Amino acid sequence: MITLKSRHEFNESIAKNGYSKRAFARKSGVSESTLIQISNGNQSPRPETARKIYDALQQNFDDIFVIESTEKQEVTK
């Protein structure tokens, strides 16, 4: 699952680039509702959505996102 490294830093990065969330959604080609859900930590972006976001911010994937394992870890006894 792809998640934001930091919601605060992500939202700050959008603002520092001179965008409102609505304007950034238009620039990146991501729907405003999807962008808001991702920025609030309520939704994980699909890989192609993550690419649109980091491309629009002119950053690398690892600057914004992390990949978390969704596999359940077995407990050894």
Protein backbone atom coordinates (compact mmCIF):
# COMPACT_ATOMS: atom_id res chain seq x y z
CA MET A 1 0.00 0.00 0.00
CA ILE A 2 1.27 3.47 -0.90
CA THR A 3 0.97 6.11 1.82
CA LEU A 4 2.22 9.63 2.39
CA LYS A 5 5.43 9.95 4.38
CA SER A 6 4.02 13.02 6.09
CA ARG A 7 0.61 14.60 5.53
CA HIS A 8 1.91 17.90 6.92
CA GLU A 9 4.93 18.00 4.58
CA PHE A 10 2.79 17.01 1.60
CA ASN A 11 0.27 19.79 2.23
CA GLU A 12 3.10 22.24 2.90
CA SER A 13 4.77 21.27 -0.38
CA ILE A 14 1.57 22.00 -2.31
CA ALA A 15 1.29 25.42 -0.65
CA LYS A 16 4.99 26.23 -1.13
CA ASN A 17 4.54 25.58 -4.85
CA GLY A 18 1.80 28.22 -4.85
CA TYR A 19 -1.23 25.95 -5.20
CA SER A 20 -4.47 25.46 -3.39
CA LYS A 21 -5.52 21.81 -3.25
CA ARG A 22 -8.09 22.50 -5.99
CA ALA A 23 -5.52 24.13 -8.28
CA PHE A 24 -2.97 21.40 -7.61
CA ALA A 25 -5.55 18.72 -8.38
CA ARG A 26 -6.19 20.34 -11.76
CA LYS A 27 -2.46 20.68 -12.50
CA SER A 28 -1.70 17.08 -11.57
CA GLY A 29 -4.72 15.56 -13.29
CA VAL A 30 -6.03 14.01 -10.07
CA SER A 31 -9.62 14.65 -9.02
CA GLU A 32 -9.96 17.15 -6.20
CA SER A 33 -11.83 14.67 -4.00
CA THR A 34 -9.13 12.02 -4.49
CA LEU A 35 -6.37 14.50 -3.72
CA ILE A 36 -8.12 15.64 -0.54
CA GLN A 37 -8.67 12.05 0.60
CA ILE A 38 -4.97 11.26 0.01
CA SER A 39 -3.79 14.45 1.70
CA ASN A 40 -5.94 13.68 4.75
CA GLY A 41 -4.57 10.14 4.96
CA ASN A 42 -7.98 8.58 4.28
CA GLN A 43 -7.05 7.00 0.94
CA SER A 44 -3.98 5.36 -0.55
CA PRO A 45 -3.14 6.48 -4.07
CA ARG A 46 -2.92 4.01 -6.89
CA PRO A 47 0.56 3.90 -8.44
CA GLU A 48 -0.46 6.01 -11.45
CA THR A 49 -2.05 8.60 -9.17
CA ALA A 50 1.09 8.75 -7.03
CA ARG A 51 3.13 9.32 -10.22
CA LYS A 52 0.89 12.21 -11.29
CA ILE A 53 1.33 13.80 -7.87
CA TYR A 54 5.10 13.51 -7.58
CA ASP A 55 5.58 14.56 -11.22
CA ALA A 56 3.45 17.68 -10.68
CA LEU A 57 5.49 18.53 -7.57
CA GLN A 58 8.71 17.80 -9.49
CA GLN A 59 9.85 15.45 -6.75
CA ASN A 60 10.72 11.77 -6.51
CA PHE A 61 8.38 9.07 -5.26
CA ASP A 62 10.52 8.53 -2.15
CA ASP A 63 10.31 12.24 -1.26
CA ILE A 64 6.55 12.01 -0.78
CA PHE A 65 5.43 8.40 -0.45
CA VAL A 66 6.35 5.12 1.21
CA ILE A 67 5.23 1.61 0.39
CA GLU A 68 3.92 -0.24 3.40
CA SER A 69 3.52 -4.00 3.41
CA THR A 70 -0.05 -5.20 3.65
CA GLU A 71 0.95 -8.77 4.37
CA LYS A 72 0.23 -10.08 7.83
CA GLN A 73 3.41 -11.07 9.59
CA GLU A 74 3.44 -14.57 11.01
CA VAL A 75 4.19 -14.81 14.70
CA THR A 76 6.81 -17.44 15.48
CA LYS A 77 6.22 -19.55 18.52
